[in-house]
Protein backbone atom coordinates (compact mmCIF):
# COMPACT_ATOMS: atom_id res chain seq x y z
CA MET A 1 0.00 0.00 0.00
CA SER A 2 1.36 3.43 -0.96
CA GLN A 3 2.35 5.84 1.79
CA TYR A 4 3.49 8.82 -0.25
CA LYS A 5 2.03 10.83 -3.14
CA ILE A 6 4.00 12.66 -5.84
CA TRP A 7 2.39 15.38 -7.94
CA PHE A 8 4.00 15.31 -11.40
CA GLN A 9 3.41 18.60 -13.20
CA GLY A 10 3.86 18.96 -16.95
CA ALA A 11 3.51 21.84 -19.39
CA THR A 12 1.73 19.53 -21.79
CA ASP A 13 -1.96 19.15 -22.66
CA ARG A 14 -3.73 15.83 -22.25
CA VAL A 15 -5.39 16.05 -25.69
CA GLN A 16 -2.79 17.84 -27.83
CA HIS A 17 0.10 15.81 -26.42
CA ALA A 18 -1.70 12.51 -25.84
CA PRO A 19 0.98 10.39 -27.61
CA TYR A 20 3.60 11.66 -25.13
CA ILE A 21 1.40 11.46 -22.02
CA ASN A 22 0.27 7.96 -22.99
CA LYS A 23 3.92 6.94 -22.75
CA VAL A 24 4.88 8.96 -19.65
CA GLU A 25 2.08 7.82 -17.34
CA PRO A 26 2.70 4.05 -17.68
CA HIS A 27 6.45 4.70 -17.39
CA LEU A 28 6.01 6.53 -14.09
CA LYS A 29 3.69 3.86 -12.77
CA ALA A 30 6.22 1.16 -13.66
CA ILE A 31 9.25 2.78 -12.05
CA LEU A 32 7.84 4.15 -8.77
CA ASP A 33 8.51 2.07 -5.68
CA PRO A 34 5.43 0.36 -4.13
CA GLU A 35 5.10 2.90 -1.30
CA PHE A 36 4.76 5.77 -3.81
CA THR A 37 1.98 6.81 -6.16
CA GLY A 38 2.15 9.54 -8.77
CA THR A 39 -0.43 11.73 -10.48
CA PHE A 40 0.48 13.35 -13.79
CA ASN A 41 -1.04 16.82 -14.08
CA THR A 42 -1.23 18.75 -17.34
CA THR A 43 -1.41 22.41 -18.40
CA THR A 44 -4.06 23.89 -20.67
CA PRO A 45 -3.25 25.78 -22.78
CA PRO A 46 0.15 24.07 -22.84
CA ALA A 47 3.52 25.50 -23.82
CA THR A 48 2.58 25.81 -27.48
CA THR A 49 5.18 28.47 -28.34
CA THR A 50 8.89 28.72 -27.66
CA HIS A 51 8.95 32.18 -26.10
CA ALA A 52 9.85 33.64 -22.70
CA VAL A 53 6.34 35.04 -22.28
CA THR A 54 4.96 31.50 -22.57
CA GLU A 55 7.43 30.31 -19.96
CA PHE A 56 6.27 33.16 -17.69
CA ARG A 57 2.67 31.97 -18.02
CA ILE A 58 3.68 28.35 -17.42
CA ALA A 59 5.65 29.41 -14.33
CA ARG A 60 2.56 31.05 -12.86
CA ASN A 61 0.66 27.79 -13.29
CA PHE A 62 3.44 25.77 -11.68
CA ILE A 63 3.58 28.03 -8.62
CA ARG A 64 -0.17 27.80 -8.13
CA ASN A 65 -0.14 24.03 -8.56
CA ALA A 66 2.68 23.63 -6.06
CA ILE A 67 0.44 25.31 -3.49
CA GLU A 68 -2.49 23.11 -4.55
CA ALA A 69 -0.37 19.94 -4.34
CA GLU A 70 0.64 20.73 -0.77
CA ARG A 71 -2.96 21.61 0.12
CA GLN A 72 -4.13 18.23 -1.18
CA GLY A 73 -1.60 16.37 0.95
CA TYR A 74 1.00 15.46 -1.68
CA ASP A 75 4.48 14.77 -0.37
CA ALA A 76 6.43 16.29 -3.28
CA ILE A 77 5.95 18.00 -6.63
CA ALA A 78 8.08 17.05 -9.63
CA ILE A 79 7.91 19.55 -12.50
CA THR A 80 8.57 17.71 -15.76
CA HIS A 81 9.32 20.85 -17.80
CA PHE A 82 13.05 21.09 -18.47
CA GLN A 83 13.13 24.89 -18.58
CA ASP A 84 12.40 24.98 -14.82
CA ALA A 85 10.13 27.99 -15.24
CA GLY A 86 9.07 29.30 -11.82
CA LEU A 87 11.08 26.64 -9.98
CA ALA A 88 12.67 28.94 -7.39
CA GLU A 89 9.34 30.64 -6.73
CA ALA A 90 7.55 27.31 -6.36
CA LYS A 91 10.18 26.17 -3.85
CA SER A 92 9.63 29.38 -1.90
CA VAL A 93 5.86 28.99 -1.40
CA VAL A 94 5.59 25.41 -0.09
CA ASP A 95 7.33 23.19 2.45
CA ILE A 96 7.11 19.95 0.46
CA PRO A 97 10.04 19.20 -1.89
CA VAL A 98 9.79 20.78 -5.35
CA LEU A 99 11.99 19.31 -8.08
CA GLY A 100 12.59 20.66 -11.57
CA LEU A 101 13.40 18.43 -14.51
CA GLY A 102 16.27 20.61 -15.73
CA GLU A 103 18.00 21.08 -12.39
CA THR A 104 17.52 17.47 -11.29
CA THR A 105 18.70 15.97 -14.58
CA LEU A 106 21.72 18.25 -14.93
CA LEU A 107 22.93 17.62 -11.38
CA HIS A 108 22.51 13.86 -11.84
CA ALA A 109 24.36 14.05 -15.16
CA CYS A 110 27.35 15.52 -13.32
CA THR A 111 27.66 12.22 -11.43
CA LEU A 112 27.83 10.20 -14.65
CA GLY A 113 30.49 12.03 -16.61
CA ARG A 114 32.80 15.00 -16.75
CA LYS A 115 31.46 17.00 -19.70
CA LEU A 116 27.80 17.39 -20.57
CA GLY A 117 26.10 18.21 -23.86
CA LEU A 118 22.49 19.39 -24.08
CA VAL A 119 20.17 18.79 -27.02
CA THR A 120 16.92 20.71 -27.03
CA ILE A 121 13.81 20.33 -29.18
CA ASN A 122 13.97 23.67 -30.98
CA PRO A 123 16.68 26.31 -31.58
CA ALA A 124 14.56 28.95 -29.82
CA PHE A 125 15.31 27.24 -26.49
CA ILE A 126 19.11 27.42 -26.79
CA PRO A 127 19.44 30.82 -25.02
CA TRP A 128 17.09 29.67 -22.24
CA HIS A 129 19.14 26.54 -21.56
CA GLU A 130 22.39 28.49 -21.74
CA ASP A 131 20.97 30.74 -19.00
CA GLN A 132 20.05 27.62 -17.00
CA VAL A 133 23.62 26.38 -17.21
CA ILE A 134 24.86 29.69 -15.80
CA ARG A 135 22.17 29.75 -13.09
CA TYR A 136 23.23 26.30 -11.86
CA GLY A 137 26.94 27.15 -12.05
CA LEU A 138 27.71 24.45 -14.62
CA GLN A 139 29.56 26.50 -17.24
CA GLN A 140 32.71 24.42 -16.80
CA ARG A 141 30.79 21.15 -17.12
CA VAL A 142 28.61 21.87 -20.18
CA ILE A 143 30.27 21.70 -23.60
CA ALA A 144 27.40 23.31 -25.51
CA VAL A 145 23.67 23.42 -26.11
CA ARG A 146 22.49 22.25 -29.50
CA ALA A 147 19.00 21.88 -30.95
CA VAL A 148 17.05 19.65 -33.28
CA ASP A 149 15.38 21.71 -35.98
CA ALA A 150 11.90 20.34 -35.31
CA LYS A 151 8.43 21.24 -34.07
CA ILE A 152 6.38 19.78 -31.21
CA THR A 153 4.20 18.03 -33.80
CA ASP A 154 7.28 16.23 -35.15
CA PHE A 155 7.85 14.76 -31.69
CA MET A 156 4.19 13.75 -31.40
CA ASP A 157 4.50 12.00 -34.77
CA ALA A 158 7.60 10.22 -33.51
CA PHE A 159 5.63 8.88 -30.53
CA SER A 160 2.70 7.89 -32.73
CA THR A 161 4.24 6.27 -35.79
CA GLU A 162 7.38 4.39 -36.77
CA GLU A 163 7.66 6.65 -39.81
CA GLY A 164 7.63 9.75 -37.60
CA PHE A 165 10.29 8.26 -35.34
CA LYS A 166 12.55 7.33 -38.26
CA LYS A 167 12.23 10.85 -39.65
CA LEU A 168 13.22 12.53 -36.39
CA GLN A 169 15.89 10.12 -35.14
CA PRO A 170 18.65 11.08 -37.66
CA LYS A 171 18.21 14.77 -36.80
CA TRP A 172 18.54 13.93 -33.12
CA GLU A 173 21.59 11.71 -33.58
CA ARG A 174 23.34 14.35 -35.69
CA GLU A 175 23.20 16.89 -32.87
CA CYS A 176 24.29 14.32 -30.28
CA ARG A 177 27.29 13.25 -32.32
CA ALA A 178 28.36 16.87 -32.78
CA LEU A 179 28.44 17.21 -28.98
CA LEU A 180 30.31 13.92 -28.54
CA ASP A 181 32.87 15.04 -31.15
CA ALA A 182 33.28 18.29 -29.17
CA GLY A 183 34.15 16.32 -26.02
CA ALA A 184 30.86 15.62 -24.25
CA ASP A 185 30.66 12.29 -22.44
CA VAL A 186 27.04 12.61 -21.25
CA ILE A 187 24.09 13.68 -23.40
CA VAL A 188 21.23 15.48 -21.67
CA PRO A 189 18.02 15.62 -23.73
CA ALA A 190 16.59 19.01 -22.74
CA GLY A 191 12.95 18.01 -22.38
CA GLY A 192 10.61 15.19 -21.52
CA LEU A 193 9.77 14.58 -25.19
CA PRO A 194 13.30 13.64 -26.35
CA MET A 195 13.99 11.90 -23.04
CA MET A 196 11.13 9.48 -23.58
CA LEU A 197 12.08 8.92 -27.23
CA PHE A 198 15.86 8.74 -27.30
CA SER A 199 17.32 7.95 -23.87
CA GLY A 200 19.81 5.11 -23.54
CA GLU A 201 23.42 5.20 -24.69
CA MET A 202 25.38 6.49 -27.67
CA ASP A 203 29.00 5.51 -28.28
CA GLY A 204 29.44 4.78 -24.58
CA ALA A 205 27.86 8.06 -23.47
CA PRO A 206 24.71 7.95 -21.31
CA VAL A 207 21.69 9.67 -22.88
CA ILE A 208 19.71 10.46 -19.75
CA ASN A 209 16.02 9.86 -19.21
CA GLY A 210 15.40 12.68 -16.77
CA ILE A 211 11.78 11.57 -16.29
CA THR A 212 13.11 8.48 -14.54
CA VAL A 213 15.67 10.58 -12.66
CA ILE A 214 13.15 13.10 -11.35
CA ALA A 215 10.70 10.38 -10.28
CA LYS A 216 13.32 8.54 -8.25
CA SER A 217 14.77 11.83 -6.97
CA ALA A 218 11.31 12.83 -5.72
CA GLU A 219 11.13 9.55 -3.80
CA MET A 220 14.51 10.28 -2.26
CA ALA A 221 13.59 13.90 -1.46
CA ILE A 222 10.50 12.73 0.42
CA LYS A 223 12.49 10.24 2.47
CA LEU A 224 15.28 12.72 3.14
CA ARG A 225 12.76 15.29 4.36
CA ARG A 226 11.40 12.77 6.84
CA LEU A 227 14.98 12.32 8.08
CA GLY A 228 15.43 16.07 8.47
CA ALA A 229 17.75 16.46 5.47
CA GLY A 230 15.41 17.58 2.71
CA LYS A 231 14.38 21.15 3.50
CA VAL A 232 15.39 24.03 1.25
CA SER A 233 17.15 27.09 2.63
CA ARG A 234 14.83 29.93 3.58
CA ARG A 235 17.50 32.48 2.79
CA SER A 236 17.98 34.15 -0.58
CA ASN A 237 15.98 32.72 -3.52
CA PHE A 238 13.79 30.34 -1.51
CA ALA A 239 12.80 32.72 1.27
CA ARG A 240 9.11 32.47 2.12
CA PRO A 241 7.07 35.34 0.64
CA PRO A 242 5.18 37.61 3.06
CA GLU A 243 1.53 36.57 3.43
CA LYS A 244 0.50 39.82 1.72
CA SER A 245 2.68 39.02 -1.32
CA LEU A 246 1.33 35.49 -1.61
CA LYS A 247 -2.27 36.66 -1.22
CA GLU A 248 -1.82 39.29 -3.94
CA PHE A 249 -0.22 36.73 -6.24
CA LEU A 250 -3.04 34.22 -5.77
CA GLU A 251 -5.71 36.87 -6.25
CA HIS A 252 -4.14 38.93 -9.05
CA GLY A 253 -0.98 37.22 -10.29
C-alpha cells in the first residue's frame, strides 16, 4: 500500500500531447517504488510556443499548482518541464520538496560524466538553456547546447508512428554526435519529449532519461525530508514570501 504521493506537473496538454502522455504515465507507474503513487497533471493551454512570455505563463501555473499539491496532501511535486520555469518561486511557497526536470537531470548528469552536452527540441530554447547552465553554475561542465530543428508536432508524430520516429531520429543523432565530437561524455536531452524517445546510450555516453531521474529523486527527497535532510534554505531565492505578497499573487498574479 502506498504511503506517499507525488504530484507530477507537466507543461503539456492531455489532448494535444496525448501520444507523449500515454507513454509517460505508464512509465512513471512502472518505475515508482510500491510505497509511492504519482499523479500526472497537465497544463491547458500548454507551452505551445517557444517564447519567454509563454514560460512566464507556465511558471505562474506551476507556482499555483505547487500550493495546490501541498494543500491536497501530496508529499512532493516534480515539475517535468526542463526549462524549470518558476522553480525557485515554487520552492519558496511550499514546504514539500519541489523538483525541476532541468535542475535534477543536470545535477545527476554531473555524477555520470565529466562534460555534458544538451540537445533541445527547438533552436529557440538554446538561449534559455544556456541561461540555466549559468544559473546552476555548470559553465565548466557543459560543452554546448544544440538543438534539433523540429516542431512539437514532429515529436508527437515520432511517438505515434514508426515513420515519424525514423524521420526525427537522424536529426537527433546528428546533434548528439556533434556534442560527442566536441568532447561531451554525457548527453542530456533538454525536455521530456526527447527523453522518452531517445534515452539510452550512444557511443558509450549515457543519454539520460530525466523523467526516470526526477521520479526517483522525488522519492529520495521525500524520504530525506522525513529524516530532516530535505528542507530548502529559507535564505535568498527560496525565502518564504510575506503573506500579503502570496495573497496578492493568488488573487491577481
